[in-house]
N, C-alpha and C. Protein backbone atom coordinates (compact mmCIF):
# COMPACT_ATOMS: atom_id res chain seq x y z
N UNK A 1 28.88 35.71 -34.70
CA UNK A 1 30.33 35.79 -34.51
C UNK A 1 30.72 35.45 -33.07
N UNK A 2 29.96 36.03 -32.15
CA UNK A 2 30.19 35.78 -30.73
C UNK A 2 29.95 34.31 -30.40
N UNK A 3 28.91 33.72 -31.04
CA UNK A 3 28.58 32.31 -30.82
C UNK A 3 29.73 31.42 -31.28
N UNK A 4 30.34 31.75 -32.44
CA UNK A 4 31.44 30.95 -32.97
C UNK A 4 32.64 30.97 -32.03
N UNK A 5 32.90 32.12 -31.42
CA UNK A 5 34.02 32.22 -30.49
C UNK A 5 33.77 31.34 -29.25
N UNK A 6 32.52 31.40 -28.75
CA UNK A 6 32.18 30.59 -27.58
C UNK A 6 32.27 29.10 -27.91
N UNK A 7 31.76 28.74 -29.09
CA UNK A 7 31.78 27.35 -29.51
C UNK A 7 33.22 26.85 -29.67
N UNK A 8 34.06 27.70 -30.29
CA UNK A 8 35.47 27.35 -30.47
C UNK A 8 36.16 27.18 -29.12
N UNK A 9 35.84 28.07 -28.19
CA UNK A 9 36.43 27.99 -26.86
C UNK A 9 36.02 26.70 -26.15
N UNK A 10 34.74 26.32 -26.29
CA UNK A 10 34.26 25.09 -25.66
C UNK A 10 34.91 23.84 -26.26
N UNK A 11 35.05 23.85 -27.59
CA UNK A 11 35.70 22.71 -28.26
C UNK A 11 37.15 22.59 -27.83
N UNK A 12 37.86 23.73 -27.79
CA UNK A 12 39.26 23.73 -27.39
C UNK A 12 39.41 23.25 -25.94
N UNK A 13 38.50 23.70 -25.07
CA UNK A 13 38.55 23.30 -23.66
C UNK A 13 38.30 21.81 -23.52
N UNK A 14 37.30 21.31 -24.29
CA UNK A 14 37.00 19.88 -24.25
C UNK A 14 38.15 19.04 -24.74
N UNK A 15 38.81 19.49 -25.81
CA UNK A 15 39.95 18.75 -26.34
C UNK A 15 41.10 18.73 -25.33
N UNK A 16 41.34 19.88 -24.71
CA UNK A 16 42.41 19.96 -23.70
C UNK A 16 42.11 19.03 -22.53
N UNK A 17 40.84 18.96 -22.15
CA UNK A 17 40.44 18.09 -21.04
C UNK A 17 40.66 16.62 -21.40
N UNK A 18 40.29 16.25 -22.62
CA UNK A 18 40.47 14.86 -23.04
C UNK A 18 41.95 14.49 -23.12
N UNK A 19 42.75 15.42 -23.63
CA UNK A 19 44.18 15.17 -23.74
C UNK A 19 44.80 14.98 -22.35
N UNK A 20 44.31 15.75 -21.39
CA UNK A 20 44.87 15.67 -20.03
C UNK A 20 44.56 14.33 -19.38
N UNK A 21 43.56 13.62 -19.89
CA UNK A 21 43.22 12.30 -19.32
C UNK A 21 44.09 11.19 -19.87
N UNK A 22 44.89 11.48 -20.87
CA UNK A 22 45.72 10.46 -21.48
C UNK A 22 46.73 9.88 -20.51
N UNK A 23 46.96 8.57 -20.59
CA UNK A 23 47.88 7.90 -19.68
C UNK A 23 49.26 7.79 -20.31
N UNK A 24 50.25 7.73 -19.49
CA UNK A 24 51.62 7.55 -19.94
C UNK A 24 52.35 6.62 -19.00
N UNK A 25 53.64 6.42 -19.26
CA UNK A 25 54.42 5.49 -18.45
C UNK A 25 54.44 5.90 -16.98
N UNK A 26 54.60 7.16 -16.74
CA UNK A 26 54.68 7.66 -15.36
C UNK A 26 53.42 8.39 -14.93
N UNK A 27 52.37 8.29 -15.73
CA UNK A 27 51.13 8.99 -15.40
C UNK A 27 49.95 8.17 -15.89
N UNK A 28 49.16 7.66 -14.96
CA UNK A 28 48.02 6.81 -15.36
C UNK A 28 46.83 7.62 -15.85
N UNK A 29 46.94 8.94 -15.81
CA UNK A 29 45.80 9.76 -16.22
C UNK A 29 44.70 9.70 -15.19
N UNK A 30 43.52 10.13 -15.57
CA UNK A 30 42.38 10.09 -14.68
C UNK A 30 41.58 8.82 -14.96
N UNK A 31 41.61 7.89 -14.02
CA UNK A 31 40.94 6.62 -14.20
C UNK A 31 40.08 6.31 -12.98
N UNK A 32 39.01 5.59 -13.22
CA UNK A 32 38.13 5.17 -12.12
C UNK A 32 38.68 3.88 -11.53
N UNK A 33 39.02 3.89 -10.25
CA UNK A 33 39.55 2.72 -9.54
C UNK A 33 40.68 2.04 -10.32
N UNK A 34 41.79 2.74 -10.57
CA UNK A 34 42.87 2.15 -11.38
C UNK A 34 43.45 0.87 -10.80
N UNK A 35 43.44 0.71 -9.48
CA UNK A 35 44.01 -0.50 -8.89
C UNK A 35 43.22 -1.75 -9.23
N UNK A 36 42.00 -1.58 -9.72
CA UNK A 36 41.19 -2.74 -10.08
C UNK A 36 41.67 -3.37 -11.38
N UNK A 37 42.31 -2.59 -12.25
CA UNK A 37 42.77 -3.18 -13.50
C UNK A 37 44.24 -2.93 -13.77
N UNK A 38 44.93 -2.24 -12.89
CA UNK A 38 46.39 -2.13 -12.95
C UNK A 38 46.93 -2.71 -11.66
N UNK A 39 47.09 -4.02 -11.63
CA UNK A 39 47.52 -4.68 -10.41
C UNK A 39 48.95 -4.28 -10.06
N UNK A 40 49.15 -3.89 -8.81
CA UNK A 40 50.48 -3.51 -8.35
C UNK A 40 51.32 -4.76 -8.12
N UNK A 41 50.73 -5.74 -7.48
CA UNK A 41 51.45 -6.99 -7.19
C UNK A 41 51.20 -8.02 -8.29
N UNK A 42 52.07 -9.02 -8.36
CA UNK A 42 51.85 -10.13 -9.29
C UNK A 42 50.75 -11.02 -8.73
N UNK A 43 49.82 -11.42 -9.59
CA UNK A 43 48.68 -12.20 -9.16
C UNK A 43 49.01 -13.69 -9.27
N UNK A 44 49.07 -14.41 -8.14
CA UNK A 44 49.52 -15.81 -8.16
C UNK A 44 48.59 -16.75 -8.93
N UNK A 45 47.32 -16.40 -9.06
CA UNK A 45 46.38 -17.29 -9.75
C UNK A 45 46.14 -16.87 -11.20
N UNK A 46 46.97 -15.95 -11.69
CA UNK A 46 46.84 -15.48 -13.07
C UNK A 46 48.20 -15.57 -13.73
N UNK A 47 48.27 -16.15 -14.91
CA UNK A 47 49.56 -16.35 -15.55
C UNK A 47 49.42 -16.16 -17.06
N UNK A 48 49.68 -14.94 -17.56
CA UNK A 48 49.66 -14.66 -19.00
C UNK A 48 51.08 -14.32 -19.42
N UNK A 49 51.70 -15.19 -20.23
CA UNK A 49 53.10 -15.01 -20.60
C UNK A 49 53.27 -14.26 -21.93
N UNK A 50 52.20 -14.12 -22.68
CA UNK A 50 52.27 -13.43 -23.97
C UNK A 50 52.38 -11.92 -23.73
N UNK A 51 53.54 -11.35 -24.08
CA UNK A 51 53.78 -9.93 -23.80
C UNK A 51 52.94 -9.01 -24.69
N UNK A 52 52.35 -9.57 -25.75
CA UNK A 52 51.52 -8.75 -26.63
C UNK A 52 50.03 -8.87 -26.28
N UNK A 53 49.71 -9.70 -25.30
CA UNK A 53 48.31 -9.89 -24.93
C UNK A 53 47.73 -8.61 -24.35
N UNK A 54 46.70 -8.09 -24.99
CA UNK A 54 46.06 -6.86 -24.51
C UNK A 54 46.78 -5.60 -24.95
N UNK A 55 47.67 -5.73 -25.93
CA UNK A 55 48.41 -4.56 -26.40
C UNK A 55 47.48 -3.51 -27.00
N UNK A 56 46.41 -3.98 -27.59
CA UNK A 56 45.48 -3.07 -28.27
C UNK A 56 44.66 -2.22 -27.30
N UNK A 57 44.62 -2.61 -26.02
CA UNK A 57 43.86 -1.81 -25.04
C UNK A 57 44.79 -1.11 -24.05
N UNK A 58 46.08 -1.05 -24.36
CA UNK A 58 47.03 -0.42 -23.44
C UNK A 58 46.60 1.01 -23.10
N UNK A 59 46.70 1.34 -21.83
CA UNK A 59 46.41 2.69 -21.39
C UNK A 59 47.69 3.46 -21.09
N UNK A 60 48.83 2.80 -21.33
CA UNK A 60 50.13 3.45 -21.15
C UNK A 60 50.93 3.30 -22.43
N UNK A 61 52.11 3.91 -22.45
CA UNK A 61 52.96 3.81 -23.65
C UNK A 61 53.92 2.64 -23.58
N UNK A 62 53.67 1.70 -22.65
CA UNK A 62 54.49 0.50 -22.56
C UNK A 62 54.30 -0.36 -23.80
N UNK A 63 55.34 -1.11 -24.18
CA UNK A 63 55.25 -2.01 -25.33
C UNK A 63 54.81 -3.40 -24.92
N UNK A 64 54.42 -3.56 -23.66
CA UNK A 64 53.92 -4.83 -23.15
C UNK A 64 52.41 -4.74 -23.03
N UNK A 65 51.70 -5.77 -23.45
CA UNK A 65 50.24 -5.76 -23.43
C UNK A 65 49.66 -5.59 -22.02
N UNK A 66 48.47 -5.05 -21.99
CA UNK A 66 47.79 -4.78 -20.72
C UNK A 66 47.52 -6.06 -19.93
N UNK A 67 47.36 -7.21 -20.62
CA UNK A 67 47.00 -8.45 -19.94
C UNK A 67 48.21 -9.30 -19.54
N UNK A 68 49.40 -8.92 -19.99
CA UNK A 68 50.61 -9.66 -19.62
C UNK A 68 50.76 -9.61 -18.10
N UNK A 69 50.96 -10.76 -17.47
CA UNK A 69 50.95 -10.78 -16.01
C UNK A 69 51.97 -11.75 -15.42
N UNK A 70 53.09 -11.95 -16.12
CA UNK A 70 54.11 -12.86 -15.61
C UNK A 70 55.23 -12.08 -14.93
N UNK A 71 55.90 -12.74 -14.02
CA UNK A 71 56.95 -12.11 -13.24
C UNK A 71 58.29 -12.22 -13.97
N UNK A 72 58.80 -11.14 -14.53
CA UNK A 72 60.06 -11.22 -15.29
C UNK A 72 61.28 -11.42 -14.39
N UNK A 73 61.09 -11.28 -13.08
CA UNK A 73 62.20 -11.43 -12.14
C UNK A 73 62.41 -12.88 -11.72
N UNK A 74 61.50 -13.77 -12.15
CA UNK A 74 61.58 -15.18 -11.82
C UNK A 74 62.05 -15.93 -13.05
N UNK A 75 62.99 -16.85 -12.90
CA UNK A 75 63.55 -17.54 -14.07
C UNK A 75 62.51 -18.35 -14.83
N UNK A 76 61.43 -18.74 -14.17
CA UNK A 76 60.36 -19.48 -14.84
C UNK A 76 59.17 -18.58 -15.16
N UNK A 77 59.30 -17.28 -14.92
CA UNK A 77 58.23 -16.30 -15.10
C UNK A 77 57.01 -16.63 -14.24
N UNK A 78 57.24 -17.30 -13.11
CA UNK A 78 56.14 -17.70 -12.23
C UNK A 78 55.73 -16.54 -11.34
N UNK A 79 54.42 -16.41 -11.10
CA UNK A 79 53.93 -15.43 -10.14
C UNK A 79 53.88 -16.03 -8.74
N UNK A 80 53.60 -17.33 -8.67
CA UNK A 80 53.55 -18.02 -7.39
C UNK A 80 54.94 -18.60 -7.12
N UNK A 81 55.59 -18.15 -6.08
CA UNK A 81 56.96 -18.56 -5.80
C UNK A 81 57.01 -19.98 -5.26
N UNK A 82 58.16 -20.63 -5.46
CA UNK A 82 58.37 -21.96 -4.91
C UNK A 82 58.49 -21.87 -3.39
N UNK A 83 58.09 -22.92 -2.67
CA UNK A 83 58.22 -22.90 -1.21
C UNK A 83 59.67 -22.75 -0.79
N UNK A 84 59.89 -22.13 0.34
CA UNK A 84 61.24 -21.97 0.87
C UNK A 84 61.84 -23.34 1.14
N UNK A 85 63.13 -23.51 0.83
CA UNK A 85 63.80 -24.78 1.05
C UNK A 85 63.70 -25.18 2.52
N UNK A 86 63.30 -26.43 2.75
CA UNK A 86 63.13 -26.90 4.12
C UNK A 86 61.71 -26.76 4.65
N UNK A 87 60.79 -26.22 3.82
CA UNK A 87 59.41 -26.08 4.24
C UNK A 87 58.79 -27.45 4.49
N UNK A 88 58.08 -27.59 5.58
CA UNK A 88 57.43 -28.85 5.92
C UNK A 88 56.06 -28.90 5.27
N UNK A 89 55.80 -29.96 4.54
CA UNK A 89 54.52 -30.12 3.85
C UNK A 89 53.39 -30.25 4.85
N UNK A 90 52.28 -29.56 4.60
CA UNK A 90 51.14 -29.59 5.51
C UNK A 90 50.49 -30.96 5.53
N UNK A 91 50.41 -31.60 4.42
CA UNK A 91 49.75 -32.91 4.35
C UNK A 91 49.07 -33.07 3.01
N UNK A 92 48.38 -34.19 2.85
CA UNK A 92 47.74 -34.49 1.57
C UNK A 92 46.28 -34.05 1.52
N UNK A 93 45.79 -33.42 2.59
CA UNK A 93 44.38 -33.06 2.66
C UNK A 93 44.21 -31.55 2.71
N UNK A 94 43.26 -31.05 1.95
CA UNK A 94 42.90 -29.64 2.03
C UNK A 94 42.01 -29.43 3.25
N UNK A 95 41.94 -28.21 3.79
CA UNK A 95 41.04 -27.96 4.91
C UNK A 95 39.60 -28.34 4.57
N UNK A 96 38.91 -28.92 5.54
CA UNK A 96 37.53 -29.38 5.32
C UNK A 96 36.59 -28.18 5.42
N UNK A 97 35.85 -27.90 4.34
CA UNK A 97 35.05 -26.67 4.26
C UNK A 97 33.54 -26.89 4.21
N UNK A 98 33.06 -28.13 4.22
CA UNK A 98 31.61 -28.34 4.15
C UNK A 98 30.99 -27.92 5.48
N UNK A 99 29.99 -27.02 5.46
CA UNK A 99 29.39 -26.54 6.71
C UNK A 99 28.70 -27.64 7.49
N UNK A 100 28.55 -27.42 8.79
CA UNK A 100 27.95 -28.44 9.67
C UNK A 100 26.53 -28.78 9.24
N UNK A 101 25.76 -27.79 8.77
CA UNK A 101 24.36 -28.04 8.42
C UNK A 101 24.20 -28.66 7.03
N UNK A 102 25.30 -29.07 6.40
CA UNK A 102 25.24 -29.66 5.06
C UNK A 102 25.60 -31.15 5.09
N UNK A 103 25.03 -31.85 6.08
CA UNK A 103 25.30 -33.28 6.22
C UNK A 103 24.89 -34.06 4.99
N UNK A 104 23.76 -33.71 4.39
CA UNK A 104 23.29 -34.42 3.20
C UNK A 104 24.28 -34.28 2.05
N UNK A 105 24.86 -33.10 1.90
CA UNK A 105 25.85 -32.88 0.84
C UNK A 105 27.08 -33.74 1.08
N UNK A 106 27.57 -33.76 2.32
CA UNK A 106 28.74 -34.57 2.65
C UNK A 106 28.45 -36.05 2.41
N UNK A 107 27.27 -36.48 2.82
CA UNK A 107 26.90 -37.89 2.68
C UNK A 107 26.86 -38.31 1.22
N UNK A 108 26.45 -37.41 0.36
CA UNK A 108 26.28 -37.75 -1.05
C UNK A 108 27.56 -37.60 -1.88
N UNK A 109 28.50 -36.81 -1.41
CA UNK A 109 29.65 -36.49 -2.26
C UNK A 109 31.00 -37.01 -1.76
N UNK A 110 31.18 -37.17 -0.46
CA UNK A 110 32.49 -37.55 0.05
C UNK A 110 32.77 -39.03 -0.12
N UNK A 111 33.98 -39.35 -0.50
CA UNK A 111 34.42 -40.73 -0.59
C UNK A 111 35.74 -40.88 0.17
N UNK A 112 35.95 -42.03 0.74
CA UNK A 112 37.13 -42.26 1.56
C UNK A 112 38.38 -42.36 0.67
N UNK A 113 39.37 -41.51 0.89
CA UNK A 113 40.58 -41.56 0.07
C UNK A 113 41.55 -42.67 0.48
N UNK A 114 41.29 -43.31 1.62
CA UNK A 114 42.19 -44.34 2.12
C UNK A 114 41.75 -45.72 1.64
N UNK A 115 42.68 -46.60 1.33
CA UNK A 115 42.32 -47.94 0.86
C UNK A 115 41.78 -48.79 2.01
N UNK A 116 40.99 -49.76 1.65
CA UNK A 116 40.41 -50.66 2.65
C UNK A 116 41.37 -51.82 2.89
N UNK A 117 42.45 -51.53 3.64
CA UNK A 117 43.49 -52.53 3.89
C UNK A 117 43.50 -52.91 5.37
N UNK A 118 44.21 -53.99 5.67
CA UNK A 118 44.32 -54.44 7.07
C UNK A 118 45.01 -53.38 7.93
N UNK A 119 46.00 -52.71 7.35
CA UNK A 119 46.73 -51.69 8.10
C UNK A 119 45.83 -50.51 8.45
N UNK A 120 45.04 -50.05 7.49
CA UNK A 120 44.13 -48.92 7.73
C UNK A 120 43.07 -49.31 8.76
N UNK A 121 42.52 -50.51 8.63
CA UNK A 121 41.51 -50.97 9.59
C UNK A 121 42.10 -51.12 11.00
N UNK A 122 43.33 -51.58 11.08
CA UNK A 122 43.97 -51.73 12.40
C UNK A 122 44.17 -50.37 13.06
N UNK A 123 44.60 -49.40 12.27
CA UNK A 123 44.76 -48.04 12.81
C UNK A 123 43.41 -47.46 13.19
N UNK A 124 42.41 -47.71 12.36
CA UNK A 124 41.07 -47.20 12.65
C UNK A 124 40.50 -47.79 13.92
N UNK A 125 40.74 -49.10 14.14
CA UNK A 125 40.26 -49.76 15.35
C UNK A 125 40.93 -49.17 16.60
N UNK A 126 42.24 -48.92 16.51
CA UNK A 126 42.96 -48.35 17.65
C UNK A 126 42.46 -46.94 17.97
N UNK A 127 42.24 -46.15 16.94
CA UNK A 127 41.74 -44.79 17.14
C UNK A 127 40.31 -44.81 17.67
N UNK A 128 39.50 -45.73 17.16
CA UNK A 128 38.14 -45.89 17.65
C UNK A 128 38.14 -46.20 19.14
N UNK A 129 39.05 -47.07 19.55
CA UNK A 129 39.13 -47.43 20.96
C UNK A 129 39.47 -46.25 21.85
N UNK A 130 40.27 -45.31 21.34
CA UNK A 130 40.67 -44.16 22.15
C UNK A 130 39.66 -43.03 22.12
N UNK A 131 38.96 -42.86 21.02
CA UNK A 131 38.12 -41.67 20.86
C UNK A 131 36.62 -41.94 20.77
N UNK A 132 36.21 -43.17 20.52
CA UNK A 132 34.80 -43.44 20.25
C UNK A 132 34.14 -44.45 21.19
N UNK A 133 34.91 -45.44 21.65
CA UNK A 133 34.32 -46.56 22.38
C UNK A 133 33.69 -46.15 23.70
N UNK A 134 34.17 -45.10 24.34
CA UNK A 134 33.60 -44.69 25.62
C UNK A 134 32.13 -44.32 25.49
N UNK A 135 31.70 -43.88 24.31
CA UNK A 135 30.28 -43.57 24.08
C UNK A 135 29.58 -44.67 23.29
N UNK A 136 30.23 -45.13 22.22
CA UNK A 136 29.58 -46.07 21.29
C UNK A 136 29.86 -47.53 21.60
N UNK A 137 30.68 -47.79 22.60
CA UNK A 137 30.98 -49.17 22.96
C UNK A 137 32.04 -49.78 22.08
N UNK A 138 32.57 -50.90 22.49
CA UNK A 138 33.67 -51.52 21.76
C UNK A 138 33.25 -52.10 20.42
N UNK A 139 31.97 -52.48 20.30
CA UNK A 139 31.51 -53.07 19.04
C UNK A 139 30.46 -52.22 18.32
N UNK A 140 30.14 -51.05 18.86
CA UNK A 140 29.20 -50.15 18.19
C UNK A 140 27.74 -50.52 18.30
N UNK A 141 27.44 -51.58 19.04
CA UNK A 141 26.04 -51.99 19.20
C UNK A 141 25.50 -51.66 20.59
N UNK A 142 26.36 -51.69 21.59
CA UNK A 142 25.97 -51.34 22.96
C UNK A 142 26.79 -50.14 23.41
N UNK A 143 26.18 -49.16 24.08
CA UNK A 143 26.92 -47.96 24.49
C UNK A 143 28.04 -48.29 25.47
N UNK A 144 29.06 -47.46 25.47
CA UNK A 144 30.17 -47.61 26.41
C UNK A 144 29.81 -47.03 27.76
N UNK A 145 30.82 -46.91 28.64
CA UNK A 145 30.57 -46.43 30.00
C UNK A 145 29.99 -45.02 30.02
N UNK A 146 30.47 -44.16 29.15
CA UNK A 146 29.92 -42.80 29.09
C UNK A 146 28.56 -42.82 28.41
N UNK A 147 28.45 -43.61 27.33
CA UNK A 147 27.20 -43.68 26.59
C UNK A 147 26.05 -44.19 27.42
N UNK A 148 26.34 -45.04 28.44
CA UNK A 148 25.28 -45.58 29.29
C UNK A 148 24.58 -44.49 30.11
N UNK A 149 25.27 -43.37 30.33
CA UNK A 149 24.69 -42.29 31.12
C UNK A 149 23.80 -41.37 30.30
N UNK A 150 23.83 -41.55 28.99
CA UNK A 150 23.06 -40.67 28.12
C UNK A 150 22.21 -41.51 27.17
N UNK A 151 20.93 -41.28 27.19
CA UNK A 151 20.04 -42.01 26.27
C UNK A 151 20.22 -41.47 24.86
N UNK A 152 20.08 -42.35 23.91
CA UNK A 152 20.11 -41.91 22.52
C UNK A 152 21.38 -42.20 21.76
N UNK A 153 22.35 -42.90 22.36
CA UNK A 153 23.55 -43.29 21.61
C UNK A 153 23.14 -44.42 20.67
N UNK A 154 23.20 -44.19 19.36
CA UNK A 154 22.66 -45.18 18.42
C UNK A 154 23.58 -46.37 18.21
N UNK A 155 22.98 -47.49 17.88
CA UNK A 155 23.74 -48.67 17.49
C UNK A 155 24.08 -48.56 16.01
N UNK A 156 25.29 -48.96 15.64
CA UNK A 156 25.68 -48.88 14.23
C UNK A 156 24.91 -49.85 13.35
N UNK A 157 24.27 -50.83 13.98
CA UNK A 157 23.51 -51.81 13.19
C UNK A 157 22.02 -51.48 13.14
N UNK A 158 21.63 -50.35 13.75
CA UNK A 158 20.22 -49.95 13.72
C UNK A 158 19.82 -49.54 12.31
N UNK A 159 18.54 -49.56 12.05
CA UNK A 159 18.05 -49.24 10.71
C UNK A 159 18.44 -47.83 10.27
N UNK A 160 18.54 -46.91 11.22
CA UNK A 160 18.85 -45.52 10.88
C UNK A 160 20.33 -45.30 10.58
N UNK A 161 21.19 -46.21 11.06
CA UNK A 161 22.63 -45.98 10.97
C UNK A 161 23.36 -46.94 10.04
N UNK A 162 22.87 -48.17 9.92
CA UNK A 162 23.66 -49.19 9.24
C UNK A 162 23.92 -48.90 7.76
N UNK A 163 23.09 -48.03 7.16
CA UNK A 163 23.26 -47.75 5.73
C UNK A 163 23.79 -46.34 5.44
N UNK A 164 24.15 -45.58 6.48
CA UNK A 164 24.67 -44.24 6.20
C UNK A 164 26.02 -44.37 5.50
N UNK A 165 26.34 -43.39 4.66
CA UNK A 165 27.53 -43.46 3.83
C UNK A 165 28.79 -43.06 4.60
N UNK A 166 29.92 -43.34 3.97
CA UNK A 166 31.20 -42.96 4.58
C UNK A 166 31.34 -41.45 4.72
N UNK A 167 30.76 -40.72 3.76
CA UNK A 167 30.78 -39.26 3.86
C UNK A 167 29.97 -38.76 5.04
N UNK A 168 28.85 -39.41 5.31
CA UNK A 168 28.01 -39.08 6.47
C UNK A 168 28.81 -39.30 7.76
N UNK A 169 29.45 -40.44 7.88
CA UNK A 169 30.21 -40.77 9.09
C UNK A 169 31.35 -39.76 9.30
N UNK A 170 32.08 -39.46 8.22
CA UNK A 170 33.20 -38.53 8.33
C UNK A 170 32.73 -37.15 8.77
N UNK A 171 31.64 -36.70 8.20
CA UNK A 171 31.12 -35.37 8.53
C UNK A 171 30.71 -35.28 9.99
N UNK A 172 30.06 -36.32 10.50
CA UNK A 172 29.62 -36.33 11.90
C UNK A 172 30.83 -36.40 12.83
N UNK A 173 31.82 -37.21 12.51
CA UNK A 173 33.04 -37.26 13.33
C UNK A 173 33.71 -35.89 13.35
N UNK A 174 33.73 -35.25 12.19
CA UNK A 174 34.44 -33.98 12.05
C UNK A 174 33.74 -32.85 12.80
N UNK A 175 32.44 -32.67 12.57
CA UNK A 175 31.73 -31.50 13.09
C UNK A 175 30.69 -31.81 14.16
N UNK A 176 30.50 -33.10 14.46
CA UNK A 176 29.56 -33.47 15.50
C UNK A 176 28.11 -33.49 15.02
N UNK A 177 27.25 -34.04 15.87
CA UNK A 177 25.82 -34.10 15.55
C UNK A 177 25.07 -34.39 16.85
N UNK A 178 24.07 -33.58 17.15
CA UNK A 178 23.33 -33.76 18.40
C UNK A 178 24.25 -33.55 19.59
N UNK A 179 24.25 -34.54 20.49
CA UNK A 179 25.12 -34.43 21.68
C UNK A 179 26.57 -34.81 21.39
N UNK A 180 26.81 -35.39 20.24
CA UNK A 180 28.18 -35.76 19.90
C UNK A 180 28.96 -34.51 19.50
N UNK A 181 30.10 -34.31 20.14
CA UNK A 181 30.93 -33.13 19.87
C UNK A 181 31.79 -33.35 18.63
N UNK A 182 32.26 -32.25 18.06
CA UNK A 182 33.18 -32.31 16.92
C UNK A 182 34.53 -32.86 17.35
N UNK A 183 35.15 -33.61 16.46
CA UNK A 183 36.46 -34.20 16.75
C UNK A 183 37.55 -33.72 15.77
N UNK A 184 37.27 -32.63 15.06
CA UNK A 184 38.25 -32.17 14.08
C UNK A 184 39.50 -31.59 14.72
N UNK A 185 39.40 -31.17 15.99
CA UNK A 185 40.59 -30.64 16.67
C UNK A 185 41.42 -31.73 17.33
N UNK A 186 40.82 -32.91 17.52
CA UNK A 186 41.55 -34.01 18.16
C UNK A 186 42.15 -34.99 17.16
N UNK A 187 41.53 -35.07 15.98
CA UNK A 187 41.94 -36.06 15.00
C UNK A 187 42.22 -35.40 13.65
N UNK A 188 43.27 -35.82 12.98
CA UNK A 188 43.55 -35.33 11.64
C UNK A 188 42.53 -35.93 10.67
N UNK A 189 42.48 -35.38 9.47
CA UNK A 189 41.55 -35.93 8.48
C UNK A 189 41.88 -37.39 8.17
N UNK A 190 43.15 -37.70 8.07
CA UNK A 190 43.54 -39.08 7.79
C UNK A 190 43.07 -40.01 8.90
N UNK A 191 43.22 -39.60 10.16
CA UNK A 191 42.77 -40.41 11.28
C UNK A 191 41.26 -40.59 11.27
N UNK A 192 40.54 -39.54 10.93
CA UNK A 192 39.07 -39.64 10.87
C UNK A 192 38.63 -40.61 9.79
N UNK A 193 39.32 -40.58 8.64
CA UNK A 193 38.97 -41.51 7.57
C UNK A 193 39.30 -42.96 7.96
N UNK A 194 40.33 -43.15 8.75
CA UNK A 194 40.65 -44.49 9.24
C UNK A 194 39.54 -45.00 10.16
N UNK A 195 39.04 -44.13 11.02
CA UNK A 195 37.93 -44.51 11.90
C UNK A 195 36.70 -44.85 11.07
N UNK A 196 36.47 -44.08 10.00
CA UNK A 196 35.33 -44.36 9.12
C UNK A 196 35.43 -45.77 8.57
N UNK A 197 36.61 -46.18 8.13
CA UNK A 197 36.80 -47.55 7.61
C UNK A 197 36.41 -48.58 8.67
N UNK A 198 36.83 -48.34 9.89
CA UNK A 198 36.53 -49.32 10.95
C UNK A 198 35.05 -49.30 11.32
N UNK A 199 34.45 -48.12 11.40
CA UNK A 199 33.02 -48.02 11.73
C UNK A 199 32.19 -48.76 10.69
N UNK A 200 32.61 -48.71 9.44
CA UNK A 200 31.87 -49.42 8.40
C UNK A 200 31.87 -50.93 8.61
N UNK A 201 32.93 -51.45 9.21
CA UNK A 201 32.93 -52.88 9.52
C UNK A 201 31.94 -53.18 10.65
N UNK A 202 31.79 -52.25 11.59
CA UNK A 202 30.84 -52.44 12.69
C UNK A 202 29.39 -52.33 12.20
N UNK A 203 29.17 -51.58 11.14
CA UNK A 203 27.81 -51.46 10.58
C UNK A 203 27.33 -52.80 10.03
N UNK A 204 28.26 -53.64 9.62
CA UNK A 204 27.90 -54.89 8.93
C UNK A 204 27.82 -56.10 9.86
N UNK A 205 27.91 -55.89 11.17
CA UNK A 205 27.86 -57.01 12.11
C UNK A 205 26.51 -57.71 12.06
């Protein structure tokens, strides 16, 4: 008889404990790391417009599914807002993320987004004259005035250089190699690609 009372008390206590964990509209109950699955902010890279999506796993008494993640305050239900009117576009290039020690990856995967036109080559030649000729010379075969003071400035027509890819050239201009310093702070990506076009003409001399 005493055992039954204790057992009944334990069952009642367990039931009360489970009930207390239940979630409601204004009470999330007892949950482990609730912010991991109840996002407070709208997630810009997630867009679920179906209001019934995840309804079967709701942990609240809301009539909207757990997975619904669209912004009802936006006329297009977008989570990622439109740029402010008058915002200046950054450009057509994403930030360059290939690490300096991954030259082989850059050489194998990068392709020049700029067309091989007279205008691009003319711009590349002008930029080369301002940023490269002092070391590599005007034609890329003999070192310039600065390059003459340092041994090891390669000729673009040498066996080691004449066949390197456009991705290789861009990566070296961007992040440097050996004694050559990085030029990513002096030249935009578009300017670097223009120089690559011109350097490729010097490789074929």
